[in-house]
Amino acid sequence: MIISASRRTDIRAFYARWFTNRIRHGSCVVINPFNSAQRYCIDMTMEV
């Protein structure tokens, strides 16, 4: 799985614990920075 999220923040430096928990949970919610009412649920399961 390739996750490209570097345009918004440095996840590895500042949010590593949160990111690890999200991978274990299998999903995360992303809020559009230009329209906070627009949200996306990202599936992070590692199914082959």
PDB file of N, CA and C in Angstrom:
ATOM      1  N   MET A   1       0.842  -1.158   0.000  1.00  0.00           N
ATOM      2  CA  MET A   1       0.000   0.000   0.000  1.00  0.00           C
ATOM      3  C   MET A   1       0.897   1.233   0.000  1.00  0.00           C
ATOM      4  N   ILE A   2       0.578   2.208  -0.833  1.00  0.00           N
ATOM      5  CA  ILE A   2       1.294   3.482  -0.867  1.00  0.00           C
ATOM      6  C   ILE A   2       0.319   4.563  -0.435  1.00  0.00           C
ATOM      7  N   ILE A   3       0.725   5.349   0.560  1.00  0.00           N
ATOM      8  CA  ILE A   3      -0.101   6.448   1.052  1.00  0.00           C
ATOM      9  C   ILE A   3       0.660   7.746   0.831  1.00  0.00           C
ATOM     10  N   SER A   4       0.108   8.623   0.027  1.00  0.00           N
ATOM     11  CA  SER A   4       0.728   9.917  -0.240  1.00  0.00           C
ATOM     12  C   SER A   4      -0.027  10.976   0.557  1.00  0.00           C
ATOM     13  N   ALA A   5       0.589  11.430   1.629  1.00  0.00           N
ATOM     14  CA  ALA A   5      -0.060  12.428   2.484  1.00  0.00           C
ATOM     15  C   ALA A   5       0.887  13.551   2.863  1.00  0.00           C
ATOM     16  N   SER A   6       2.018  13.647   2.206  1.00  0.00           N
ATOM     17  CA  SER A   6       3.047  14.604   2.608  1.00  0.00           C
ATOM     18  C   SER A   6       2.721  16.050   2.256  1.00  0.00           C
ATOM     19  N   ARG A   7       1.729  16.288   1.433  1.00  0.00           N
ATOM     20  CA  ARG A   7       1.400  17.669   1.072  1.00  0.00           C
ATOM     21  C   ARG A   7       0.731  18.413   2.218  1.00  0.00           C
ATOM     22  N   ARG A   8       0.167  17.704   3.171  1.00  0.00           N
ATOM     23  CA  ARG A   8      -0.562  18.356   4.260  1.00  0.00           C
ATOM     24  C   ARG A   8       0.249  18.494   5.530  1.00  0.00           C
ATOM     25  N   THR A   9       1.002  17.489   5.893  1.00  0.00           N
ATOM     26  CA  THR A   9       1.739  17.524   7.157  1.00  0.00           C
ATOM     27  C   THR A   9       2.822  16.451   7.154  1.00  0.00           C
ATOM     28  N   ASP A  10       3.690  16.498   8.114  1.00  0.00           N
ATOM     29  CA  ASP A  10       4.723  15.477   8.275  1.00  0.00           C
ATOM     30  C   ASP A  10       4.202  14.441   9.267  1.00  0.00           C
ATOM     31  N   ILE A  11       3.496  13.440   8.757  1.00  0.00           N
ATOM     32  CA  ILE A  11       2.847  12.441   9.613  1.00  0.00           C
ATOM     33  C   ILE A  11       3.869  11.666  10.428  1.00  0.00           C
ATOM     34  N   ARG A  12       4.953  11.264   9.812  1.00  0.00           N
ATOM     35  CA  ARG A  12       5.939  10.451  10.509  1.00  0.00           C
ATOM     36  C   ARG A  12       6.561  11.203  11.687  1.00  0.00           C
ATOM     37  N   ALA A  13       6.804  12.494  11.557  1.00  0.00           N
ATOM     38  CA  ALA A  13       7.445  13.263  12.622  1.00  0.00           C
ATOM     39  C   ALA A  13       6.480  13.655  13.731  1.00  0.00           C
ATOM     40  N   PHE A  14       5.239  13.989  13.388  1.00  0.00           N
ATOM     41  CA  PHE A  14       4.331  14.568  14.376  1.00  0.00           C
ATOM     42  C   PHE A  14       3.130  13.698  14.749  1.00  0.00           C
ATOM     43  N   TYR A  15       2.738  12.768  13.882  1.00  0.00           N
ATOM     44  CA  TYR A  15       1.516  12.000  14.108  1.00  0.00           C
ATOM     45  C   TYR A  15       1.712  10.499  13.931  1.00  0.00           C
ATOM     46  N   ALA A  16       2.891   9.982  14.237  1.00  0.00           N
ATOM     47  CA  ALA A  16       3.189   8.561  14.004  1.00  0.00           C
ATOM     48  C   ALA A  16       2.270   7.649  14.800  1.00  0.00           C
ATOM     49  N   ARG A  17       2.024   7.950  16.070  1.00  0.00           N
ATOM     50  CA  ARG A  17       1.154   7.098  16.899  1.00  0.00           C
ATOM     51  C   ARG A  17      -0.277   7.106  16.353  1.00  0.00           C
ATOM     52  N   TRP A  18      -0.791   8.286  16.009  1.00  0.00           N
ATOM     53  CA  TRP A  18      -2.136   8.398  15.441  1.00  0.00           C
ATOM     54  C   TRP A  18      -2.227   7.582  14.146  1.00  0.00           C
ATOM     55  N   PHE A  19      -1.218   7.721  13.276  1.00  0.00           N
ATOM     56  CA  PHE A  19      -1.232   7.036  11.990  1.00  0.00           C
ATOM     57  C   PHE A  19      -1.210   5.521  12.163  1.00  0.00           C
ATOM     58  N   THR A  20      -0.394   5.034  13.087  1.00  0.00           N
ATOM     59  CA  THR A  20      -0.342   3.602  13.366  1.00  0.00           C
ATOM     60  C   THR A  20      -1.689   3.096  13.857  1.00  0.00           C
ATOM     61  N   ASN A  21      -2.328   3.853  14.736  1.00  0.00           N
ATOM     62  CA  ASN A  21      -3.658   3.467  15.229  1.00  0.00           C
ATOM     63  C   ASN A  21      -4.689   3.451  14.106  1.00  0.00           C
ATOM     64  N   ARG A  22      -4.613   4.393  13.188  1.00  0.00           N
ATOM     65  CA  ARG A  22      -5.557   4.444  12.063  1.00  0.00           C
ATOM     66  C   ARG A  22      -5.368   3.243  11.150  1.00  0.00           C
ATOM     67  N   ILE A  23      -4.127   2.829  10.907  1.00  0.00           N
ATOM     68  CA  ILE A  23      -3.883   1.644  10.075  1.00  0.00           C
ATOM     69  C   ILE A  23      -4.451   0.413  10.762  1.00  0.00           C
ATOM     70  N   ARG A  24      -4.242   0.286  12.071  1.00  0.00           N
ATOM     71  CA  ARG A  24      -4.793  -0.856  12.812  1.00  0.00           C
ATOM     72  C   ARG A  24      -6.315  -0.851  12.784  1.00  0.00           C
ATOM     73  N   HIS A  25      -6.909   0.334  12.886  1.00  0.00           N
ATOM     74  CA  HIS A  25      -8.372   0.460  12.853  1.00  0.00           C
ATOM     75  C   HIS A  25      -8.915   0.151  11.463  1.00  0.00           C
ATOM     76  N   GLY A  26      -8.171   0.507  10.427  1.00  0.00           N
ATOM     77  CA  GLY A  26      -8.569   0.184   9.061  1.00  0.00           C
ATOM     78  C   GLY A  26      -9.164   1.321   8.271  1.00  0.00           C
ATOM     79  N   SER A  27      -9.303   2.500   8.879  1.00  0.00           N
ATOM     80  CA  SER A  27      -9.841   3.645   8.139  1.00  0.00           C
ATOM     81  C   SER A  27      -9.518   4.946   8.854  1.00  0.00           C
ATOM     82  N   CYS A  28      -9.689   6.034   8.130  1.00  0.00           N
ATOM     83  CA  CYS A  28      -9.572   7.357   8.742  1.00  0.00           C
ATOM     84  C   CYS A  28     -10.476   8.321   7.976  1.00  0.00           C
ATOM     85  N   VAL A  29     -10.819   9.407   8.610  1.00  0.00           N
ATOM     86  CA  VAL A  29     -11.659  10.437   7.995  1.00  0.00           C
ATOM     87  C   VAL A  29     -10.770  11.627   7.656  1.00  0.00           C
ATOM     88  N   VAL A  30     -10.875  12.109   6.429  1.00  0.00           N
ATOM     89  CA  VAL A  30     -10.100  13.250   5.964  1.00  0.00           C
ATOM     90  C   VAL A  30     -11.067  14.388   5.682  1.00  0.00           C
ATOM     91  N   ILE A  31     -10.754  15.549   6.222  1.00  0.00           N
ATOM     92  CA  ILE A  31     -11.586  16.740   6.021  1.00  0.00           C
ATOM     93  C   ILE A  31     -10.929  17.617   4.959  1.00  0.00           C
ATOM     94  N   ASN A  32     -11.710  18.053   3.990  1.00  0.00           N
ATOM     95  CA  ASN A  32     -11.222  18.948   2.951  1.00  0.00           C
ATOM     96  C   ASN A  32     -10.842  20.282   3.601  1.00  0.00           C
ATOM     97  N   PRO A  33      -9.597  20.756   3.465  1.00  0.00           N
ATOM     98  CA  PRO A  33      -9.192  21.999   4.114  1.00  0.00           C
ATOM     99  C   PRO A  33      -9.874  23.247   3.552  1.00  0.00           C
ATOM    100  N   PHE A  34     -10.447  23.145   2.362  1.00  0.00           N
ATOM    101  CA  PHE A  34     -11.113  24.281   1.743  1.00  0.00           C
ATOM    102  C   PHE A  34     -12.620  24.276   1.952  1.00  0.00           C
ATOM    103  N   ASN A  35     -13.166  23.128   2.375  1.00  0.00           N
ATOM    104  CA  ASN A  35     -14.600  22.999   2.610  1.00  0.00           C
ATOM    105  C   ASN A  35     -14.781  21.997   3.754  1.00  0.00           C
ATOM    106  N   SER A  36     -14.851  22.480   4.981  1.00  0.00           N
ATOM    107  CA  SER A  36     -14.872  21.597   6.148  1.00  0.00           C
ATOM    108  C   SER A  36     -16.106  20.699   6.222  1.00  0.00           C
ATOM    109  N   ALA A  37     -17.133  21.003   5.437  1.00  0.00           N
ATOM    110  CA  ALA A  37     -18.315  20.146   5.407  1.00  0.00           C
ATOM    111  C   ALA A  37     -18.084  18.906   4.549  1.00  0.00           C
ATOM    112  N   GLN A  38     -17.048  18.917   3.730  1.00  0.00           N
ATOM    113  CA  GLN A  38     -16.749  17.797   2.838  1.00  0.00           C
ATOM    114  C   GLN A  38     -15.735  16.879   3.527  1.00  0.00           C
ATOM    115  N   ARG A  39     -16.158  15.649   3.791  1.00  0.00           N
ATOM    116  CA  ARG A  39     -15.317  14.676   4.486  1.00  0.00           C
ATOM    117  C   ARG A  39     -15.277  13.381   3.703  1.00  0.00           C
ATOM    118  N   TYR A  40     -14.149  12.716   3.777  1.00  0.00           N
ATOM    119  CA  TYR A  40     -13.951  11.457   3.077  1.00  0.00           C
ATOM    120  C   TYR A  40     -13.512  10.391   4.087  1.00  0.00           C
ATOM    121  N   CYS A  41     -14.066   9.211   3.971  1.00  0.00           N
ATOM    122  CA  CYS A  41     -13.620   8.078   4.784  1.00  0.00           C
ATOM    123  C   CYS A  41     -12.684   7.257   3.906  1.00  0.00           C
ATOM    124  N   ILE A  42     -11.427   7.146   4.329  1.00  0.00           N
ATOM    125  CA  ILE A  42     -10.402   6.439   3.566  1.00  0.00           C
ATOM    126  C   ILE A  42     -10.231   5.039   4.132  1.00  0.00           C
ATOM    127  N   ASP A  43     -10.390   4.040   3.279  1.00  0.00           N
ATOM    128  CA  ASP A  43     -10.186   2.641   3.669  1.00  0.00           C
ATOM    129  C   ASP A  43      -8.693   2.359   3.680  1.00  0.00           C
ATOM    130  N   MET A  44      -8.163   1.899   4.812  1.00  0.00           N
ATOM    131  CA  MET A  44      -6.738   1.631   4.943  1.00  0.00           C
ATOM    132  C   MET A  44      -6.461   0.158   5.233  1.00  0.00           C
ATOM    133  N   THR A  45      -7.377  -0.718   4.845  1.00  0.00           N
ATOM    134  CA  THR A  45      -7.150  -2.148   5.060  1.00  0.00           C
ATOM    135  C   THR A  45      -6.154  -2.647   4.017  1.00  0.00           C
ATOM    136  N   MET A  46      -5.377  -3.628   4.399  1.00  0.00           N
ATOM    137  CA  MET A  46      -4.340  -4.153   3.517  1.00  0.00           C
ATOM    138  C   MET A  46      -4.777  -5.472   2.910  1.00  0.00           C
ATOM    139  N   GLU A  47      -5.867  -5.450   2.179  1.00  0.00           N
ATOM    140  CA  GLU A  47      -6.352  -6.650   1.511  1.00  0.00           C
ATOM    141  C   GLU A  47      -5.656  -6.806   0.173  1.00  0.00           C
ATOM    142  N   VAL A  48      -5.312  -8.032  -0.160  1.00  0.00           N
ATOM    143  CA  VAL A  48      -4.634  -8.304  -1.426  1.00  0.00           C
ATOM    144  C   VAL A  48      -5.629  -8.769  -2.449  1.00  0.00           C
TER     145      VAL A  48
END
